[in-house]
C-alpha cells in the first residue's frame, strides 16, 4: 500500500532516464525525492514494515542515492542527502551502498 502511494507520487518518475535529467528546479526535485525515500525507509524500519517491499526499497534507495550524487555539485545539501541515504541503506541492508 505505502509503496503504491510512493510510486504514484514520484518515485518511478525518473526510472529509465539515462544520464542526468533536465529539470528546472533540480535542487527542489532532488531534495523532495530524498524526503520521500527517507519516509519510506522509516516506514520499513517501523512496525509498519509489512507495507513496504524490501527489495523494491533497496532498488529505490540505490537509485535515489545515485541521482543525488549526480547532482552533488549543485548543493552541499544534496551531497549531505546522498550521504544520509547511504547510511540509511547500510543500516537497513547491513552492507555498503554501491
PDB file of N, CA and C in Angstrom:
ATOM      1  N   UNK A   1       0.815  -1.191   0.000  1.00  0.00           N
ATOM      2  CA  UNK A   1       0.000   0.000   0.000  1.00  0.00           C
ATOM      3  C   UNK A   1       0.859   1.256   0.000  1.00  0.00           C
ATOM      4  N   UNK A   2       1.757   1.398   0.968  1.00  0.00           N
ATOM      5  CA  UNK A   2       2.613   2.580   1.034  1.00  0.00           C
ATOM      6  C   UNK A   2       3.466   2.671  -0.218  1.00  0.00           C
ATOM      7  N   UNK A   3       4.023   1.540  -0.660  1.00  0.00           N
ATOM      8  CA  UNK A   3       4.861   1.552  -1.844  1.00  0.00           C
ATOM      9  C   UNK A   3       4.070   2.007  -3.063  1.00  0.00           C
ATOM     10  N   UNK A   4       2.824   1.573  -3.175  1.00  0.00           N
ATOM     11  CA  UNK A   4       1.985   2.007  -4.280  1.00  0.00           C
ATOM     12  C   UNK A   4       1.764   3.508  -4.272  1.00  0.00           C
ATOM     13  N   UNK A   5       1.578   4.067  -3.101  1.00  0.00           N
ATOM     14  CA  UNK A   5       1.392   5.512  -2.976  1.00  0.00           C
ATOM     15  C   UNK A   5       2.662   6.240  -3.387  1.00  0.00           C
ATOM     16  N   UNK A   6       3.803   5.765  -2.916  1.00  0.00           N
ATOM     17  CA  UNK A   6       5.076   6.394  -3.264  1.00  0.00           C
ATOM     18  C   UNK A   6       5.304   6.330  -4.767  1.00  0.00           C
ATOM     19  N   UNK A   7       5.055   5.185  -5.359  1.00  0.00           N
ATOM     20  CA  UNK A   7       5.215   5.057  -6.816  1.00  0.00           C
ATOM     21  C   UNK A   7       4.362   6.083  -7.533  1.00  0.00           C
ATOM     22  N   UNK A   8       3.125   6.185  -7.105  1.00  0.00           N
ATOM     23  CA  UNK A   8       2.200   7.116  -7.736  1.00  0.00           C
ATOM     24  C   UNK A   8       2.670   8.554  -7.593  1.00  0.00           C
ATOM     25  N   UNK A   9       3.177   8.903  -6.428  1.00  0.00           N
ATOM     26  CA  UNK A   9       3.589  10.284  -6.175  1.00  0.00           C
ATOM     27  C   UNK A   9       4.799  10.701  -6.982  1.00  0.00           C
ATOM     28  N   UNK A  10       5.844   9.878  -7.007  1.00  0.00           N
ATOM     29  CA  UNK A  10       7.059  10.367  -7.628  1.00  0.00           C
ATOM     30  C   UNK A  10       8.121   9.374  -7.957  1.00  0.00           C
ATOM     31  N   UNK A  11       8.242   8.340  -7.222  1.00  0.00           N
ATOM     32  CA  UNK A  11       9.463   7.553  -7.227  1.00  0.00           C
ATOM     33  C   UNK A  11       9.803   7.015  -8.602  1.00  0.00           C
ATOM     34  N   UNK A  12       8.847   6.543  -9.330  1.00  0.00           N
ATOM     35  CA  UNK A  12       9.141   5.959 -10.625  1.00  0.00           C
ATOM     36  C   UNK A  12       9.230   6.998 -11.735  1.00  0.00           C
ATOM     37  N   UNK A  13       9.049   8.260 -11.398  1.00  0.00           N
ATOM     38  CA  UNK A  13       9.078   9.305 -12.415  1.00  0.00           C
ATOM     39  C   UNK A  13      10.427   9.406 -13.109  1.00  0.00           C
ATOM     40  N   UNK A  14      11.512   8.992 -12.462  1.00  0.00           N
ATOM     41  CA  UNK A  14      12.833   9.064 -13.066  1.00  0.00           C
ATOM     42  C   UNK A  14      13.350   7.709 -13.526  1.00  0.00           C
ATOM     43  N   UNK A  15      12.568   6.662 -13.397  1.00  0.00           N
ATOM     44  CA  UNK A  15      13.015   5.346 -13.838  1.00  0.00           C
ATOM     45  C   UNK A  15      13.233   5.348 -15.344  1.00  0.00           C
ATOM     46  N   UNK A  16      14.322   4.743 -15.748  1.00  0.00           N
ATOM     47  CA  UNK A  16      14.596   4.585 -17.169  1.00  0.00           C
ATOM     48  C   UNK A  16      15.245   5.788 -17.827  1.00  0.00           C
ATOM     49  N   UNK A  17      15.419   6.869 -17.104  1.00  0.00           N
ATOM     50  CA  UNK A  17      16.058   8.050 -17.675  1.00  0.00           C
ATOM     51  C   UNK A  17      17.561   7.845 -17.593  1.00  0.00           C
ATOM     52  N   UNK A  18      18.225   7.949 -18.725  1.00  0.00           N
ATOM     53  CA  UNK A  18      19.679   7.788 -18.769  1.00  0.00           C
ATOM     54  C   UNK A  18      20.341   9.141 -18.539  1.00  0.00           C
ATOM     55  N   UNK A  19      21.463   9.121 -17.849  1.00  0.00           N
ATOM     56  CA  UNK A  19      22.195  10.362 -17.608  1.00  0.00           C
ATOM     57  C   UNK A  19      21.469  11.269 -16.639  1.00  0.00           C
ATOM     58  N   UNK A  20      21.832  12.513 -16.682  1.00  0.00           N
ATOM     59  CA  UNK A  20      21.247  13.497 -15.771  1.00  0.00           C
ATOM     60  C   UNK A  20      20.031  14.138 -16.431  1.00  0.00           C
ATOM     61  N   UNK A  21      18.859  14.042 -15.819  1.00  0.00           N
ATOM     62  CA  UNK A  21      17.661  14.622 -16.425  1.00  0.00           C
ATOM     63  C   UNK A  21      17.703  16.154 -16.402  1.00  0.00           C
ATOM     64  N   UNK A  22      17.018  16.763 -17.368  1.00  0.00           N
ATOM     65  CA  UNK A  22      16.903  18.219 -17.410  1.00  0.00           C
ATOM     66  C   UNK A  22      15.657  18.598 -16.625  1.00  0.00           C
ATOM     67  N   UNK A  23      15.873  19.242 -15.484  1.00  0.00           N
ATOM     68  CA  UNK A  23      14.789  19.616 -14.584  1.00  0.00           C
ATOM     69  C   UNK A  23      14.984  21.076 -14.213  1.00  0.00           C
ATOM     70  N   UNK A  24      13.910  21.854 -14.244  1.00  0.00           N
ATOM     71  CA  UNK A  24      14.001  23.280 -13.947  1.00  0.00           C
ATOM     72  C   UNK A  24      14.546  23.542 -12.555  1.00  0.00           C
ATOM     73  N   UNK A  25      14.023  22.873 -11.547  1.00  0.00           N
ATOM     74  CA  UNK A  25      14.461  23.086 -10.172  1.00  0.00           C
ATOM     75  C   UNK A  25      15.046  21.785  -9.637  1.00  0.00           C
ATOM     76  N   UNK A  26      16.266  21.483 -10.037  1.00  0.00           N
ATOM     77  CA  UNK A  26      16.879  20.208  -9.663  1.00  0.00           C
ATOM     78  C   UNK A  26      17.029  20.079  -8.155  1.00  0.00           C
ATOM     79  N   UNK A  27      17.380  21.167  -7.472  1.00  0.00           N
ATOM     80  CA  UNK A  27      17.549  21.093  -6.024  1.00  0.00           C
ATOM     81  C   UNK A  27      16.239  20.701  -5.354  1.00  0.00           C
ATOM     82  N   UNK A  28      15.160  21.388  -5.686  1.00  0.00           N
ATOM     83  CA  UNK A  28      13.863  21.096  -5.073  1.00  0.00           C
ATOM     84  C   UNK A  28      13.393  19.688  -5.377  1.00  0.00           C
ATOM     85  N   UNK A  29      13.563  19.272  -6.626  1.00  0.00           N
ATOM     86  CA  UNK A  29      13.144  17.934  -7.033  1.00  0.00           C
ATOM     87  C   UNK A  29      13.958  16.860  -6.312  1.00  0.00           C
ATOM     88  N   UNK A  30      15.270  17.038  -6.279  1.00  0.00           N
ATOM     89  CA  UNK A  30      16.141  16.048  -5.642  1.00  0.00           C
ATOM     90  C   UNK A  30      15.904  15.982  -4.137  1.00  0.00           C
ATOM     91  N   UNK A  31      15.743  17.136  -3.514  1.00  0.00           N
ATOM     92  CA  UNK A  31      15.534  17.141  -2.066  1.00  0.00           C
ATOM     93  C   UNK A  31      14.163  16.544  -1.710  1.00  0.00           C
ATOM     94  N   UNK A  32      13.163  16.797  -2.545  1.00  0.00           N
ATOM     95  CA  UNK A  32      11.846  16.187  -2.320  1.00  0.00           C
ATOM     96  C   UNK A  32      11.940  14.667  -2.447  1.00  0.00           C
ATOM     97  N   UNK A  33      12.691  14.197  -3.435  1.00  0.00           N
ATOM     98  CA  UNK A  33      12.895  12.756  -3.617  1.00  0.00           C
ATOM     99  C   UNK A  33      13.559  12.165  -2.370  1.00  0.00           C
ATOM    100  N   UNK A  34      14.565  12.853  -1.856  1.00  0.00           N
ATOM    101  CA  UNK A  34      15.258  12.435  -0.636  1.00  0.00           C
ATOM    102  C   UNK A  34      14.261  12.274   0.512  1.00  0.00           C
ATOM    103  N   UNK A  35      13.419  13.263   0.713  1.00  0.00           N
ATOM    104  CA  UNK A  35      12.457  13.226   1.812  1.00  0.00           C
ATOM    105  C   UNK A  35      11.484  12.073   1.704  1.00  0.00           C
ATOM    106  N   UNK A  36      11.020  11.816   0.509  1.00  0.00           N
ATOM    107  CA  UNK A  36      10.050  10.736   0.321  1.00  0.00           C
ATOM    108  C   UNK A  36      10.691   9.365   0.528  1.00  0.00           C
ATOM    109  N   UNK A  37      11.922   9.205   0.073  1.00  0.00           N
ATOM    110  CA  UNK A  37      12.618   7.932   0.287  1.00  0.00           C
ATOM    111  C   UNK A  37      12.958   7.757   1.763  1.00  0.00           C
ATOM    112  N   UNK A  38      13.273   8.845   2.437  1.00  0.00           N
ATOM    113  CA  UNK A  38      13.552   8.779   3.874  1.00  0.00           C
ATOM    114  C   UNK A  38      12.312   8.316   4.642  1.00  0.00           C
ATOM    115  N   UNK A  39      11.146   8.838   4.275  1.00  0.00           N
ATOM    116  CA  UNK A  39       9.893   8.416   4.915  1.00  0.00           C
ATOM    117  C   UNK A  39       9.609   6.944   4.615  1.00  0.00           C
ATOM    118  N   UNK A  40       9.828   6.536   3.384  1.00  0.00           N
ATOM    119  CA  UNK A  40       9.616   5.137   3.018  1.00  0.00           C
ATOM    120  C   UNK A  40      10.556   4.226   3.817  1.00  0.00           C
ATOM    121  N   UNK A  41      11.800   4.650   3.994  1.00  0.00           N
ATOM    122  CA  UNK A  41      12.769   3.876   4.782  1.00  0.00           C
ATOM    123  C   UNK A  41      12.344   3.788   6.241  1.00  0.00           C
ATOM    124  N   UNK A  42      11.881   4.897   6.786  1.00  0.00           N
ATOM    125  CA  UNK A  42      11.422   4.905   8.182  1.00  0.00           C
ATOM    126  C   UNK A  42      10.222   3.980   8.356  1.00  0.00           C
ATOM    127  N   UNK A  43       9.343   3.963   7.375  1.00  0.00           N
ATOM    128  CA  UNK A  43       8.189   3.064   7.427  1.00  0.00           C
ATOM    129  C   UNK A  43       8.659   1.615   7.443  1.00  0.00           C
ATOM    130  N   UNK A  44       9.637   1.309   6.597  1.00  0.00           N
ATOM    131  CA  UNK A  44      10.171  -0.052   6.519  1.00  0.00           C
ATOM    132  C   UNK A  44      10.811  -0.482   7.837  1.00  0.00           C
ATOM    133  N   UNK A  45      11.422   0.464   8.539  1.00  0.00           N
ATOM    134  CA  UNK A  45      12.108   0.154   9.798  1.00  0.00           C
ATOM    135  C   UNK A  45      11.169   0.173  11.005  1.00  0.00           C
ATOM    136  N   UNK A  46       9.910   0.492  10.784  1.00  0.00           N
ATOM    137  CA  UNK A  46       8.950   0.595  11.882  1.00  0.00           C
ATOM    138  C   UNK A  46       8.071  -0.654  11.969  1.00  0.00           C
ATOM    139  N   UNK A  47       7.083  -0.571  12.827  1.00  0.00           N
ATOM    140  CA  UNK A  47       6.121  -1.674  12.948  1.00  0.00           C
ATOM    141  C   UNK A  47       5.245  -1.802  11.701  1.00  0.00           C
ATOM    142  N   UNK A  48       5.330  -0.844  10.792  1.00  0.00           N
ATOM    143  CA  UNK A  48       4.568  -0.880   9.541  1.00  0.00           C
ATOM    144  C   UNK A  48       5.375  -1.489   8.394  1.00  0.00           C
ATOM    145  N   UNK A  49       6.466  -2.152   8.705  1.00  0.00           N
ATOM    146  CA  UNK A  49       7.383  -2.657   7.677  1.00  0.00           C
ATOM    147  C   UNK A  49       6.709  -3.571   6.656  1.00  0.00           C
ATOM    148  N   UNK A  50       5.647  -4.225   7.047  1.00  0.00           N
ATOM    149  CA  UNK A  50       4.942  -5.104   6.125  1.00  0.00           C
ATOM    150  C   UNK A  50       4.316  -4.383   4.943  1.00  0.00           C
ATOM    151  N   UNK A  51       4.218  -3.068   5.031  1.00  0.00           N
ATOM    152  CA  UNK A  51       3.642  -2.283   3.941  1.00  0.00           C
ATOM    153  C   UNK A  51       4.650  -1.955   2.846  1.00  0.00           C
ATOM    154  N   UNK A  52       5.926  -2.229   3.105  1.00  0.00           N
ATOM    155  CA  UNK A  52       6.980  -1.849   2.163  1.00  0.00           C
ATOM    156  C   UNK A  52       7.776  -3.086   1.757  1.00  0.00           C
ATOM    157  N   UNK A  53       7.906  -3.310   0.462  1.00  0.00           N
ATOM    158  CA  UNK A  53       8.689  -4.423  -0.061  1.00  0.00           C
ATOM    159  C   UNK A  53      10.178  -4.083   0.051  1.00  0.00           C
ATOM    160  N   UNK A  54      10.935  -4.923   0.749  1.00  0.00           N
ATOM    161  CA  UNK A  54      12.351  -4.662   0.990  1.00  0.00           C
ATOM    162  C   UNK A  54      13.183  -4.580  -0.279  1.00  0.00           C
ATOM    163  N   UNK A  55      12.930  -5.469  -1.232  1.00  0.00           N
ATOM    164  CA  UNK A  55      13.704  -5.462  -2.479  1.00  0.00           C
ATOM    165  C   UNK A  55      13.455  -4.182  -3.268  1.00  0.00           C
ATOM    166  N   UNK A  56      12.217  -3.751  -3.297  1.00  0.00           N
ATOM    167  CA  UNK A  56      11.882  -2.510  -4.008  1.00  0.00           C
ATOM    168  C   UNK A  56      12.489  -1.307  -3.290  1.00  0.00           C
ATOM    169  N   UNK A  57      12.449  -1.307  -1.972  1.00  0.00           N
ATOM    170  CA  UNK A  57      13.060  -0.220  -1.211  1.00  0.00           C
ATOM    171  C   UNK A  57      14.557  -0.164  -1.486  1.00  0.00           C
ATOM    172  N   UNK A  58      15.216  -1.308  -1.515  1.00  0.00           N
ATOM    173  CA  UNK A  58      16.658  -1.327  -1.793  1.00  0.00           C
ATOM    174  C   UNK A  58      16.952  -0.716  -3.162  1.00  0.00           C
ATOM    175  N   UNK A  59      16.171  -1.100  -4.151  1.00  0.00           N
ATOM    176  CA  UNK A  59      16.360  -0.570  -5.508  1.00  0.00           C
ATOM    177  C   UNK A  59      16.145   0.941  -5.536  1.00  0.00           C
ATOM    178  N   UNK A  60      15.082   1.396  -4.872  1.00  0.00           N
ATOM    179  CA  UNK A  60      14.773   2.826  -4.869  1.00  0.00           C
ATOM    180  C   UNK A  60      15.824   3.634  -4.111  1.00  0.00           C
ATOM    181  N   UNK A  61      16.312   3.094  -3.013  1.00  0.00           N
ATOM    182  CA  UNK A  61      17.381   3.773  -2.270  1.00  0.00           C
ATOM    183  C   UNK A  61      18.631   3.906  -3.134  1.00  0.00           C
ATOM    184  N   UNK A  62      19.038   2.827  -3.779  1.00  0.00           N
ATOM    185  CA  UNK A  62      20.226   2.876  -4.631  1.00  0.00           C
ATOM    186  C   UNK A  62      20.049   3.890  -5.754  1.00  0.00           C
ATOM    187  N   UNK A  63      18.890   3.879  -6.368  1.00  0.00           N
ATOM    188  CA  UNK A  63      18.627   4.788  -7.479  1.00  0.00           C
ATOM    189  C   UNK A  63      18.619   6.240  -7.021  1.00  0.00           C
ATOM    190  N   UNK A  64      18.021   6.503  -5.865  1.00  0.00           N
ATOM    191  CA  UNK A  64      17.949   7.871  -5.355  1.00  0.00           C
ATOM    192  C   UNK A  64      19.328   8.376  -4.948  1.00  0.00           C
ATOM    193  N   UNK A  65      20.121   7.530  -4.317  1.00  0.00           N
ATOM    194  CA  UNK A  65      21.486   7.923  -3.949  1.00  0.00           C
ATOM    195  C   UNK A  65      22.275   8.276  -5.209  1.00  0.00           C
ATOM    196  N   UNK A  66      22.161   7.457  -6.225  1.00  0.00           N
ATOM    197  CA  UNK A  66      22.859   7.723  -7.492  1.00  0.00           C
ATOM    198  C   UNK A  66      22.396   9.051  -8.087  1.00  0.00           C
ATOM    199  N   UNK A  67      21.097   9.295  -8.084  1.00  0.00           N
ATOM    200  CA  UNK A  67      20.529  10.541  -8.608  1.00  0.00           C
ATOM    201  C   UNK A  67      21.071  11.744  -7.838  1.00  0.00           C
ATOM    202  N   UNK A  68      21.102  11.643  -6.512  1.00  0.00           N
ATOM    203  CA  UNK A  68      21.614  12.742  -5.689  1.00  0.00           C
ATOM    204  C   UNK A  68      23.099  12.972  -5.945  1.00  0.00           C
ATOM    205  N   UNK A  69      23.861  11.914  -6.100  1.00  0.00           N
ATOM    206  CA  UNK A  69      25.298  12.065  -6.348  1.00  0.00           C
ATOM    207  C   UNK A  69      25.579  12.694  -7.708  1.00  0.00           C
ATOM    208  N   UNK A  70      24.706  12.458  -8.687  1.00  0.00           N
ATOM    209  CA  UNK A  70      24.860  13.100  -9.994  1.00  0.00           C
ATOM    210  C   UNK A  70      24.718  14.614  -9.878  1.00  0.00           C
ATOM    211  N   UNK A  71      24.003  15.069  -8.859  1.00  0.00           N
ATOM    212  CA  UNK A  71      23.728  16.494  -8.676  1.00  0.00           C
ATOM    213  C   UNK A  71      24.491  17.087  -7.500  1.00  0.00           C
ATOM    214  N   UNK A  72      25.476  16.371  -6.971  1.00  0.00           N
ATOM    215  CA  UNK A  72      26.148  16.808  -5.739  1.00  0.00           C
ATOM    216  C   UNK A  72      26.857  18.148  -5.872  1.00  0.00           C
ATOM    217  N   UNK A  73      27.281  18.512  -7.084  1.00  0.00           N
ATOM    218  CA  UNK A  73      27.989  19.781  -7.243  1.00  0.00           C
ATOM    219  C   UNK A  73      27.063  20.990  -7.228  1.00  0.00           C
ATOM    220  N   UNK A  74      25.767  20.767  -7.283  1.00  0.00           N
ATOM    221  CA  UNK A  74      24.800  21.859  -7.257  1.00  0.00           C
ATOM    222  C   UNK A  74      24.664  22.426  -5.852  1.00  0.00           C
ATOM    223  N   UNK A  75      24.732  21.549  -4.865  1.00  0.00           N
ATOM    224  CA  UNK A  75      24.480  21.990  -3.497  1.00  0.00           C
ATOM    225  C   UNK A  75      25.110  21.036  -2.490  1.00  0.00           C
ATOM    226  N   UNK A  76      25.729  21.580  -1.450  1.00  0.00           N
ATOM    227  CA  UNK A  76      26.215  20.714  -0.375  1.00  0.00           C
ATOM    228  C   UNK A  76      25.073  19.946   0.290  1.00  0.00           C
ATOM    229  N   UNK A  77      23.871  20.498   0.241  1.00  0.00           N
ATOM    230  CA  UNK A  77      22.713  19.814   0.835  1.00  0.00           C
ATOM    231  C   UNK A  77      22.414  18.506   0.114  1.00  0.00           C
ATOM    232  N   UNK A  78      22.530  18.504  -1.208  1.00  0.00           N
ATOM    233  CA  UNK A  78      22.270  17.271  -1.961  1.00  0.00           C
ATOM    234  C   UNK A  78      23.350  16.233  -1.676  1.00  0.00           C
ATOM    235  N   UNK A  79      24.581  16.679  -1.500  1.00  0.00           N
ATOM    236  CA  UNK A  79      25.667  15.774  -1.126  1.00  0.00           C
ATOM    237  C   UNK A  79      25.369  15.164   0.247  1.00  0.00           C
ATOM    238  N   UNK A  80      24.888  15.996   1.167  1.00  0.00           N
ATOM    239  CA  UNK A  80      24.527  15.509   2.508  1.00  0.00           C
ATOM    240  C   UNK A  80      23.345  14.548   2.432  1.00  0.00           C
ATOM    241  N   UNK A  81      22.361  14.859   1.585  1.00  0.00           N
ATOM    242  CA  UNK A  81      21.208  13.966   1.406  1.00  0.00           C
ATOM    243  C   UNK A  81      21.674  12.584   0.947  1.00  0.00           C
ATOM    244  N   UNK A  82      22.598  12.556  -0.019  1.00  0.00           N
ATOM    245  CA  UNK A  82      23.116  11.278  -0.525  1.00  0.00           C
ATOM    246  C   UNK A  82      23.835  10.516   0.585  1.00  0.00           C
ATOM    247  N   UNK A  83      24.624  11.216   1.388  1.00  0.00           N
ATOM    248  CA  UNK A  83      25.353  10.577   2.488  1.00  0.00           C
ATOM    249  C   UNK A  83      24.385   9.990   3.520  1.00  0.00           C
ATOM    250  N   UNK A  84      23.347  10.749   3.842  1.00  0.00           N
ATOM    251  CA  UNK A  84      22.350  10.275   4.813  1.00  0.00           C
ATOM    252  C   UNK A  84      21.657   9.017   4.300  1.00  0.00           C
ATOM    253  N   UNK A  85      21.243   9.040   3.029  1.00  0.00           N
ATOM    254  CA  UNK A  85      20.567   7.861   2.478  1.00  0.00           C
ATOM    255  C   UNK A  85      21.517   6.668   2.393  1.00  0.00           C
ATOM    256  N   UNK A  86      22.795   6.904   2.128  1.00  0.00           N
ATOM    257  CA  UNK A  86      23.766   5.802   2.111  1.00  0.00           C
ATOM    258  C   UNK A  86      23.879   5.176   3.501  1.00  0.00           C
ATOM    259  N   UNK A  87      23.852   6.005   4.531  1.00  0.00           N
ATOM    260  CA  UNK A  87      23.895   5.483   5.905  1.00  0.00           C
ATOM    261  C   UNK A  87      22.620   4.712   6.245  1.00  0.00           C
ATOM    262  N   UNK A  88      21.487   5.215   5.791  1.00  0.00           N
ATOM    263  CA  UNK A  88      20.214   4.511   5.999  1.00  0.00           C
ATOM    264  C   UNK A  88      20.267   3.158   5.290  1.00  0.00           C
ATOM    265  N   UNK A  89      20.771   3.163   4.053  1.00  0.00           N
ATOM    266  CA  UNK A  89      20.899   1.922   3.283  1.00  0.00           C
ATOM    267  C   UNK A  89      21.732   0.895   4.053  1.00  0.00           C
ATOM    268  N   UNK A  90      22.886   1.333   4.555  1.00  0.00           N
ATOM    269  CA  UNK A  90      23.766   0.421   5.293  1.00  0.00           C
ATOM    270  C   UNK A  90      23.099  -0.100   6.562  1.00  0.00           C
ATOM    271  N   UNK A  91      22.337   0.746   7.225  1.00  0.00           N
ATOM    272  CA  UNK A  91      21.653   0.319   8.450  1.00  0.00           C
ATOM    273  C   UNK A  91      20.570  -0.719   8.140  1.00  0.00           C
ATOM    274  N   UNK A  92      19.811  -0.489   7.086  1.00  0.00           N
ATOM    275  CA  UNK A  92      18.715  -1.402   6.746  1.00  0.00           C
ATOM    276  C   UNK A  92      19.237  -2.711   6.164  1.00  0.00           C
ATOM    277  N   UNK A  93      20.140  -2.624   5.189  1.00  0.00           N
ATOM    278  CA  UNK A  93      20.542  -3.806   4.432  1.00  0.00           C
ATOM    279  C   UNK A  93      21.874  -4.405   4.886  1.00  0.00           C
ATOM    280  N   UNK A  94      22.507  -3.803   5.885  1.00  0.00           N
ATOM    281  CA  UNK A  94      23.728  -4.327   6.501  1.00  0.00           C
ATOM    282  C   UNK A  94      24.853  -4.579   5.500  1.00  0.00           C
ATOM    283  N   UNK A  95      24.929  -3.718   4.487  1.00  0.00           N
ATOM    284  CA  UNK A  95      26.021  -3.782   3.516  1.00  0.00           C
ATOM    285  C   UNK A  95      26.226  -2.384   2.946  1.00  0.00           C
ATOM    286  N   UNK A  96      27.444  -2.092   2.472  1.00  0.00           N
ATOM    287  CA  UNK A  96      27.686  -0.758   1.920  1.00  0.00           C
ATOM    288  C   UNK A  96      26.899  -0.551   0.635  1.00  0.00           C
ATOM    289  N   UNK A  97      26.492   0.671   0.433  1.00  0.00           N
ATOM    290  CA  UNK A  97      25.779   1.029  -0.791  1.00  0.00           C
ATOM    291  C   UNK A  97      26.795   1.137  -1.916  1.00  0.00           C
ATOM    292  N   UNK A  98      26.464   0.596  -3.079  1.00  0.00           N
ATOM    293  CA  UNK A  98      27.389   0.627  -4.231  1.00  0.00           C
ATOM    294  C   UNK A  98      27.404   1.970  -4.884  1.00  0.00           C
TER     295      UNK A  98
END
